[in-house]
Amino acid sequence: MSDTVAEVTQVVHAFAECWNRHDMNAFAELFAPDAEFVNVVGLWWKGRDEIKKAHEFTHATMFKNSRLTITDVSARFPVASIAIARSRWVLEGHVSPEGAPLPPRAGILLMVLARSSGVWSIIDAQNTDIVEGVLSRPQ
């Protein structure tokens, strides 16, 4: 693995580490100030502050005891200072908005990262739940 791939992979794993510590201050610092994030249900947050506030809320409620495990990461570099990282994840220990335990779920997280002053920051992210056995949403 090249150093550049390793650096980007480390950001993906840092995302999960911050999630698992429920440390939304450190989590937010992984994002550029003007980053955007679309979550698994299509909520679109614009800017580091919105991303942080949304995750603070969910980590005080439904993700309070959750654990995120990254199971696979790929990284591509369309130009030297931009990375596209995809990762498969498994989430366990989360609950419904009413507090009922939920089964583990899996998904794919897409991140676009930019390198500035030697540091990789997430500039855009989109999260997708994997729904086994479904080819498309019924129309």
N, C-alpha and C. Protein backbone atom coordinates (compact mmCIF):
# COMPACT_ATOMS: atom_id res chain seq x y z
N MET A 1 0.86 -1.18 0.00
CA MET A 1 0.00 0.00 0.00
C MET A 1 0.90 1.24 0.00
N SER A 2 0.61 2.17 -0.89
CA SER A 2 1.42 3.40 -0.94
C SER A 2 1.14 4.26 0.29
N ASP A 3 2.06 5.17 0.56
CA ASP A 3 1.87 6.08 1.70
C ASP A 3 0.60 6.89 1.55
N THR A 4 0.31 7.34 0.32
CA THR A 4 -0.88 8.16 0.09
C THR A 4 -2.15 7.37 0.36
N VAL A 5 -2.21 6.14 -0.12
CA VAL A 5 -3.37 5.28 0.15
C VAL A 5 -3.48 5.05 1.65
N ALA A 6 -2.38 4.81 2.31
CA ALA A 6 -2.39 4.58 3.76
C ALA A 6 -2.90 5.81 4.51
N GLU A 7 -2.51 7.00 4.07
CA GLU A 7 -2.97 8.23 4.72
C GLU A 7 -4.49 8.39 4.59
N VAL A 8 -5.01 8.14 3.40
CA VAL A 8 -6.46 8.26 3.18
C VAL A 8 -7.20 7.18 3.96
N THR A 9 -6.67 5.96 3.94
CA THR A 9 -7.28 4.86 4.69
C THR A 9 -7.32 5.20 6.18
N GLN A 10 -6.29 5.86 6.68
CA GLN A 10 -6.26 6.26 8.09
C GLN A 10 -7.39 7.23 8.41
N VAL A 11 -7.72 8.14 7.49
CA VAL A 11 -8.84 9.06 7.72
C VAL A 11 -10.15 8.28 7.83
N VAL A 12 -10.33 7.29 6.95
CA VAL A 12 -11.54 6.46 7.01
C VAL A 12 -11.62 5.75 8.36
N HIS A 13 -10.52 5.19 8.81
CA HIS A 13 -10.53 4.50 10.11
C HIS A 13 -10.68 5.49 11.26
N ALA A 14 -10.15 6.69 11.13
CA ALA A 14 -10.34 7.72 12.16
C ALA A 14 -11.81 8.09 12.28
N PHE A 15 -12.53 8.12 11.16
CA PHE A 15 -13.98 8.37 11.16
C PHE A 15 -14.65 7.36 12.09
N ALA A 16 -14.33 6.08 11.92
CA ALA A 16 -14.94 5.03 12.77
C ALA A 16 -14.47 5.14 14.21
N GLU A 17 -13.20 5.45 14.42
CA GLU A 17 -12.68 5.57 15.79
C GLU A 17 -13.38 6.70 16.54
N CYS A 18 -13.55 7.85 15.89
CA CYS A 18 -14.26 8.97 16.53
C CYS A 18 -15.72 8.59 16.79
N TRP A 19 -16.34 7.92 15.83
CA TRP A 19 -17.71 7.44 15.99
C TRP A 19 -17.81 6.55 17.22
N ASN A 20 -16.92 5.61 17.35
CA ASN A 20 -16.98 4.63 18.44
C ASN A 20 -16.69 5.25 19.80
N ARG A 21 -15.95 6.33 19.84
CA ARG A 21 -15.72 7.08 21.09
C ARG A 21 -16.84 8.08 21.33
N HIS A 22 -17.68 8.26 20.31
CA HIS A 22 -18.76 9.26 20.34
C HIS A 22 -18.18 10.65 20.59
N ASP A 23 -17.04 10.89 19.99
CA ASP A 23 -16.30 12.15 20.11
C ASP A 23 -16.57 12.98 18.86
N MET A 24 -17.63 13.75 18.91
CA MET A 24 -18.04 14.50 17.74
C MET A 24 -17.18 15.73 17.50
N ASN A 25 -16.40 16.16 18.49
CA ASN A 25 -15.44 17.24 18.25
C ASN A 25 -14.33 16.72 17.32
N ALA A 26 -13.75 15.59 17.67
CA ALA A 26 -12.70 14.99 16.83
C ALA A 26 -13.27 14.56 15.48
N PHE A 27 -14.49 14.02 15.49
CA PHE A 27 -15.17 13.61 14.26
C PHE A 27 -15.28 14.80 13.31
N ALA A 28 -15.75 15.94 13.81
CA ALA A 28 -15.94 17.12 12.98
C ALA A 28 -14.62 17.62 12.39
N GLU A 29 -13.54 17.46 13.12
CA GLU A 29 -12.23 17.94 12.64
C GLU A 29 -11.72 17.16 11.43
N LEU A 30 -12.32 16.00 11.16
CA LEU A 30 -11.95 15.24 9.96
C LEU A 30 -12.47 15.90 8.69
N PHE A 31 -13.44 16.81 8.85
CA PHE A 31 -14.10 17.46 7.72
C PHE A 31 -13.55 18.86 7.48
N ALA A 32 -13.50 19.25 6.22
CA ALA A 32 -13.16 20.63 5.86
C ALA A 32 -14.29 21.54 6.35
N PRO A 33 -14.01 22.81 6.61
CA PRO A 33 -15.06 23.72 7.10
C PRO A 33 -16.28 23.79 6.18
N ASP A 34 -16.08 23.65 4.87
CA ASP A 34 -17.19 23.75 3.92
C ASP A 34 -17.63 22.39 3.39
N ALA A 35 -17.31 21.33 4.11
CA ALA A 35 -17.68 19.97 3.68
C ALA A 35 -19.19 19.80 3.62
N GLU A 36 -19.61 18.81 2.86
CA GLU A 36 -21.01 18.42 2.79
C GLU A 36 -21.11 16.93 3.06
N PHE A 37 -22.29 16.50 3.57
CA PHE A 37 -22.49 15.10 3.96
C PHE A 37 -23.95 14.76 3.71
N VAL A 38 -24.20 13.69 2.98
CA VAL A 38 -25.55 13.16 2.79
C VAL A 38 -25.60 11.83 3.54
N ASN A 39 -26.57 11.72 4.46
CA ASN A 39 -26.63 10.49 5.26
C ASN A 39 -27.47 9.42 4.56
N VAL A 40 -27.66 8.29 5.23
CA VAL A 40 -28.31 7.13 4.62
C VAL A 40 -29.78 7.35 4.28
N VAL A 41 -30.41 8.36 4.87
CA VAL A 41 -31.81 8.64 4.54
C VAL A 41 -31.95 9.91 3.70
N GLY A 42 -30.84 10.44 3.21
CA GLY A 42 -30.89 11.57 2.30
C GLY A 42 -30.85 12.94 2.94
N LEU A 43 -30.61 13.03 4.25
CA LEU A 43 -30.44 14.35 4.86
C LEU A 43 -29.11 14.91 4.39
N TRP A 44 -29.11 16.19 4.01
CA TRP A 44 -27.94 16.82 3.39
C TRP A 44 -27.46 17.93 4.29
N TRP A 45 -26.31 17.73 4.91
CA TRP A 45 -25.75 18.73 5.81
C TRP A 45 -24.64 19.48 5.10
N LYS A 46 -24.64 20.79 5.28
CA LYS A 46 -23.68 21.66 4.59
C LYS A 46 -22.83 22.38 5.62
N GLY A 47 -21.55 22.09 5.59
CA GLY A 47 -20.61 22.71 6.50
C GLY A 47 -20.30 21.84 7.70
N ARG A 48 -19.08 21.98 8.19
CA ARG A 48 -18.61 21.19 9.34
C ARG A 48 -19.54 21.34 10.54
N ASP A 49 -20.01 22.56 10.80
CA ASP A 49 -20.86 22.77 11.98
C ASP A 49 -22.16 21.98 11.90
N GLU A 50 -22.82 21.99 10.73
CA GLU A 50 -24.06 21.21 10.56
C GLU A 50 -23.79 19.72 10.71
N ILE A 51 -22.70 19.26 10.12
CA ILE A 51 -22.34 17.84 10.20
C ILE A 51 -22.13 17.45 11.67
N LYS A 52 -21.43 18.29 12.40
CA LYS A 52 -21.17 18.02 13.81
C LYS A 52 -22.47 18.01 14.62
N LYS A 53 -23.32 19.02 14.44
CA LYS A 53 -24.57 19.10 15.22
C LYS A 53 -25.46 17.89 14.96
N ALA A 54 -25.57 17.49 13.71
CA ALA A 54 -26.41 16.33 13.38
C ALA A 54 -25.88 15.07 14.05
N HIS A 55 -24.58 14.88 14.02
CA HIS A 55 -24.00 13.69 14.64
C HIS A 55 -24.01 13.77 16.17
N GLU A 56 -23.89 14.96 16.73
CA GLU A 56 -24.02 15.09 18.19
C GLU A 56 -25.41 14.63 18.63
N PHE A 57 -26.43 15.02 17.88
CA PHE A 57 -27.80 14.62 18.23
C PHE A 57 -27.96 13.10 18.15
N THR A 58 -27.53 12.51 17.04
CA THR A 58 -27.74 11.06 16.89
C THR A 58 -26.88 10.26 17.86
N HIS A 59 -25.72 10.79 18.23
CA HIS A 59 -24.87 10.07 19.18
C HIS A 59 -25.31 10.27 20.63
N ALA A 60 -26.23 11.18 20.85
CA ALA A 60 -26.84 11.32 22.18
C ALA A 60 -28.11 10.48 22.27
N THR A 61 -28.56 9.94 21.14
CA THR A 61 -29.82 9.19 21.10
C THR A 61 -29.59 7.82 20.46
N MET A 62 -29.98 7.66 19.21
CA MET A 62 -30.01 6.34 18.58
C MET A 62 -28.64 5.68 18.38
N PHE A 63 -27.57 6.45 18.29
CA PHE A 63 -26.23 5.87 18.13
C PHE A 63 -25.40 5.93 19.41
N LYS A 64 -26.04 6.22 20.53
CA LYS A 64 -25.35 6.42 21.81
C LYS A 64 -24.43 5.25 22.18
N ASN A 65 -24.87 4.04 21.91
CA ASN A 65 -24.08 2.85 22.26
C ASN A 65 -23.65 2.06 21.02
N SER A 66 -23.64 2.74 19.88
CA SER A 66 -23.33 2.05 18.63
C SER A 66 -21.84 1.83 18.45
N ARG A 67 -21.54 0.88 17.58
CA ARG A 67 -20.14 0.59 17.21
C ARG A 67 -20.09 0.44 15.69
N LEU A 68 -19.22 1.21 15.07
CA LEU A 68 -19.04 1.19 13.62
C LEU A 68 -17.74 0.46 13.30
N THR A 69 -17.83 -0.54 12.44
CA THR A 69 -16.65 -1.30 12.03
C THR A 69 -16.45 -1.14 10.53
N ILE A 70 -15.27 -0.71 10.14
CA ILE A 70 -14.93 -0.61 8.72
C ILE A 70 -14.41 -1.98 8.29
N THR A 71 -15.00 -2.53 7.22
CA THR A 71 -14.62 -3.88 6.79
C THR A 71 -13.81 -3.89 5.50
N ASP A 72 -13.83 -2.80 4.74
CA ASP A 72 -13.09 -2.74 3.48
C ASP A 72 -12.94 -1.28 3.08
N VAL A 73 -11.82 -0.93 2.49
CA VAL A 73 -11.59 0.44 2.03
C VAL A 73 -10.90 0.38 0.67
N SER A 74 -11.36 1.23 -0.25
CA SER A 74 -10.64 1.42 -1.50
C SER A 74 -10.41 2.92 -1.67
N ALA A 75 -9.33 3.27 -2.35
CA ALA A 75 -9.02 4.68 -2.58
C ALA A 75 -8.51 4.86 -4.00
N ARG A 76 -8.99 5.92 -4.64
CA ARG A 76 -8.54 6.31 -5.98
C ARG A 76 -8.15 7.77 -5.94
N PHE A 77 -7.31 8.18 -6.86
CA PHE A 77 -6.79 9.55 -6.87
C PHE A 77 -6.92 10.13 -8.27
N PRO A 78 -8.03 10.84 -8.56
CA PRO A 78 -8.18 11.43 -9.89
C PRO A 78 -7.10 12.48 -10.18
N VAL A 79 -6.64 13.16 -9.15
CA VAL A 79 -5.47 14.04 -9.20
C VAL A 79 -4.74 13.86 -7.87
N ALA A 80 -3.51 14.31 -7.81
CA ALA A 80 -2.67 14.02 -6.64
C ALA A 80 -3.25 14.50 -5.32
N SER A 81 -3.97 15.61 -5.32
CA SER A 81 -4.45 16.19 -4.06
C SER A 81 -5.92 15.86 -3.75
N ILE A 82 -6.53 14.99 -4.54
CA ILE A 82 -7.93 14.59 -4.33
C ILE A 82 -8.00 13.07 -4.26
N ALA A 83 -8.72 12.58 -3.26
CA ALA A 83 -8.92 11.14 -3.11
C ALA A 83 -10.41 10.83 -3.07
N ILE A 84 -10.77 9.72 -3.66
CA ILE A 84 -12.12 9.17 -3.55
C ILE A 84 -11.98 7.86 -2.79
N ALA A 85 -12.56 7.81 -1.61
CA ALA A 85 -12.47 6.61 -0.77
C ALA A 85 -13.86 6.02 -0.58
N ARG A 86 -13.95 4.72 -0.79
CA ARG A 86 -15.18 3.99 -0.49
C ARG A 86 -14.86 2.99 0.60
N SER A 87 -15.79 2.86 1.53
CA SER A 87 -15.59 1.87 2.59
C SER A 87 -16.89 1.15 2.88
N ARG A 88 -16.76 -0.13 3.15
CA ARG A 88 -17.90 -0.92 3.65
C ARG A 88 -17.85 -0.86 5.16
N TRP A 89 -19.02 -0.80 5.76
CA TRP A 89 -19.10 -0.71 7.22
C TRP A 89 -20.21 -1.59 7.75
N VAL A 90 -20.11 -1.91 9.02
CA VAL A 90 -21.17 -2.60 9.77
C VAL A 90 -21.42 -1.78 11.02
N LEU A 91 -22.70 -1.53 11.31
CA LEU A 91 -23.09 -0.78 12.51
C LEU A 91 -23.87 -1.70 13.43
N GLU A 92 -23.46 -1.72 14.70
CA GLU A 92 -24.14 -2.53 15.71
C GLU A 92 -24.42 -1.67 16.93
N GLY A 93 -25.39 -2.08 17.73
CA GLY A 93 -25.66 -1.41 19.00
C GLY A 93 -26.51 -0.16 18.91
N HIS A 94 -27.11 0.08 17.75
CA HIS A 94 -27.96 1.26 17.61
C HIS A 94 -29.41 0.90 17.94
N VAL A 95 -30.21 1.93 18.16
CA VAL A 95 -31.61 1.73 18.54
C VAL A 95 -32.50 2.60 17.66
N SER A 96 -33.78 2.28 17.65
CA SER A 96 -34.76 3.09 16.92
C SER A 96 -34.95 4.42 17.65
N PRO A 97 -35.62 5.39 17.01
CA PRO A 97 -35.92 6.65 17.71
C PRO A 97 -36.70 6.44 19.00
N GLU A 98 -37.44 5.32 19.09
CA GLU A 98 -38.20 5.00 20.30
C GLU A 98 -37.36 4.25 21.33
N GLY A 99 -36.13 3.89 20.96
CA GLY A 99 -35.23 3.21 21.89
C GLY A 99 -35.18 1.70 21.77
N ALA A 100 -35.89 1.13 20.80
CA ALA A 100 -35.88 -0.33 20.63
C ALA A 100 -34.58 -0.76 19.93
N PRO A 101 -33.94 -1.83 20.43
CA PRO A 101 -32.72 -2.31 19.79
C PRO A 101 -32.97 -2.69 18.33
N LEU A 102 -32.00 -2.41 17.48
CA LEU A 102 -32.09 -2.73 16.06
C LEU A 102 -31.00 -3.73 15.69
N PRO A 103 -31.27 -4.56 14.67
CA PRO A 103 -30.24 -5.52 14.25
C PRO A 103 -29.08 -4.79 13.57
N PRO A 104 -27.93 -5.45 13.50
CA PRO A 104 -26.80 -4.84 12.78
C PRO A 104 -27.20 -4.49 11.35
N ARG A 105 -26.57 -3.46 10.83
CA ARG A 105 -26.81 -3.10 9.44
C ARG A 105 -25.48 -2.79 8.79
N ALA A 106 -25.48 -2.83 7.46
CA ALA A 106 -24.25 -2.60 6.70
C ALA A 106 -24.48 -1.52 5.67
N GLY A 107 -23.39 -0.93 5.22
CA GLY A 107 -23.50 0.11 4.22
C GLY A 107 -22.17 0.40 3.55
N ILE A 108 -22.22 1.40 2.68
CA ILE A 108 -21.04 1.87 1.97
C ILE A 108 -20.97 3.37 2.15
N LEU A 109 -19.82 3.85 2.57
CA LEU A 109 -19.58 5.28 2.75
C LEU A 109 -18.61 5.75 1.67
N LEU A 110 -19.02 6.76 0.93
CA LEU A 110 -18.18 7.38 -0.08
C LEU A 110 -17.68 8.70 0.48
N MET A 111 -16.37 8.89 0.44
CA MET A 111 -15.77 10.16 0.88
C MET A 111 -14.93 10.72 -0.25
N VAL A 112 -14.99 12.02 -0.41
CA VAL A 112 -14.05 12.74 -1.26
C VAL A 112 -13.18 13.54 -0.31
N LEU A 113 -11.88 13.38 -0.45
CA LEU A 113 -10.93 14.05 0.44
C LEU A 113 -10.01 14.94 -0.37
N ALA A 114 -9.59 16.04 0.23
CA ALA A 114 -8.63 16.95 -0.39
C ALA A 114 -7.43 17.08 0.52
N ARG A 115 -6.26 17.15 -0.09
CA ARG A 115 -5.02 17.31 0.67
C ARG A 115 -4.58 18.76 0.59
N SER A 116 -4.39 19.35 1.76
CA SER A 116 -3.92 20.73 1.84
C SER A 116 -2.91 20.82 2.97
N SER A 117 -1.77 21.40 2.70
CA SER A 117 -0.68 21.52 3.70
C SER A 117 -0.34 20.17 4.32
N GLY A 118 -0.40 19.11 3.51
CA GLY A 118 -0.02 17.78 3.97
C GLY A 118 -1.07 17.04 4.76
N VAL A 119 -2.27 17.60 4.88
CA VAL A 119 -3.34 16.99 5.68
C VAL A 119 -4.53 16.66 4.77
N TRP A 120 -5.04 15.44 4.91
CA TRP A 120 -6.24 15.04 4.18
C TRP A 120 -7.48 15.39 4.99
N SER A 121 -8.44 16.09 4.35
CA SER A 121 -9.72 16.43 4.99
C SER A 121 -10.85 15.94 4.11
N ILE A 122 -11.93 15.53 4.74
CA ILE A 122 -13.12 15.11 3.99
C ILE A 122 -13.81 16.38 3.50
N ILE A 123 -14.04 16.45 2.17
CA ILE A 123 -14.74 17.61 1.62
C ILE A 123 -16.16 17.26 1.22
N ASP A 124 -16.44 15.97 1.06
CA ASP A 124 -17.79 15.53 0.72
C ASP A 124 -17.93 14.07 1.12
N ALA A 125 -19.12 13.69 1.55
CA ALA A 125 -19.37 12.30 1.92
C ALA A 125 -20.82 11.95 1.66
N GLN A 126 -21.04 10.71 1.27
CA GLN A 126 -22.40 10.20 1.11
C GLN A 126 -22.42 8.78 1.64
N ASN A 127 -23.40 8.50 2.49
CA ASN A 127 -23.53 7.21 3.15
C ASN A 127 -24.74 6.48 2.59
N THR A 128 -24.62 5.19 2.40
CA THR A 128 -25.69 4.39 1.80
C THR A 128 -25.86 3.11 2.59
N ASP A 129 -27.09 2.81 2.99
CA ASP A 129 -27.39 1.51 3.59
C ASP A 129 -27.39 0.45 2.49
N ILE A 130 -26.87 -0.73 2.80
CA ILE A 130 -26.99 -1.87 1.90
C ILE A 130 -28.27 -2.60 2.28
N VAL A 131 -29.15 -2.76 1.31
CA VAL A 131 -30.41 -3.47 1.53
C VAL A 131 -30.30 -4.77 0.74
N GLU A 132 -30.00 -5.85 1.45
CA GLU A 132 -29.78 -7.15 0.81
C GLU A 132 -31.02 -7.61 0.05
N GLY A 133 -30.79 -8.18 -1.14
CA GLY A 133 -31.86 -8.77 -1.93
C GLY A 133 -32.74 -7.78 -2.67
N VAL A 134 -32.39 -6.51 -2.64
CA VAL A 134 -33.20 -5.49 -3.32
C VAL A 134 -32.37 -4.90 -4.45
N LEU A 135 -32.93 -4.92 -5.66
CA LEU A 135 -32.21 -4.37 -6.81
C LEU A 135 -32.47 -2.88 -6.98
N SER A 136 -33.67 -2.44 -6.59
CA SER A 136 -34.03 -1.04 -6.72
C SER A 136 -35.24 -0.78 -5.84
N ARG A 137 -35.43 0.47 -5.52
CA ARG A 137 -36.61 0.85 -4.75
C ARG A 137 -37.84 0.74 -5.66
N PRO A 138 -38.92 0.13 -5.17
CA PRO A 138 -40.13 0.05 -5.99
C PRO A 138 -40.61 1.44 -6.37
N GLN A 139 -41.05 1.57 -7.59
CA GLN A 139 -41.53 2.88 -8.08
C GLN A 139 -43.04 2.97 -7.99
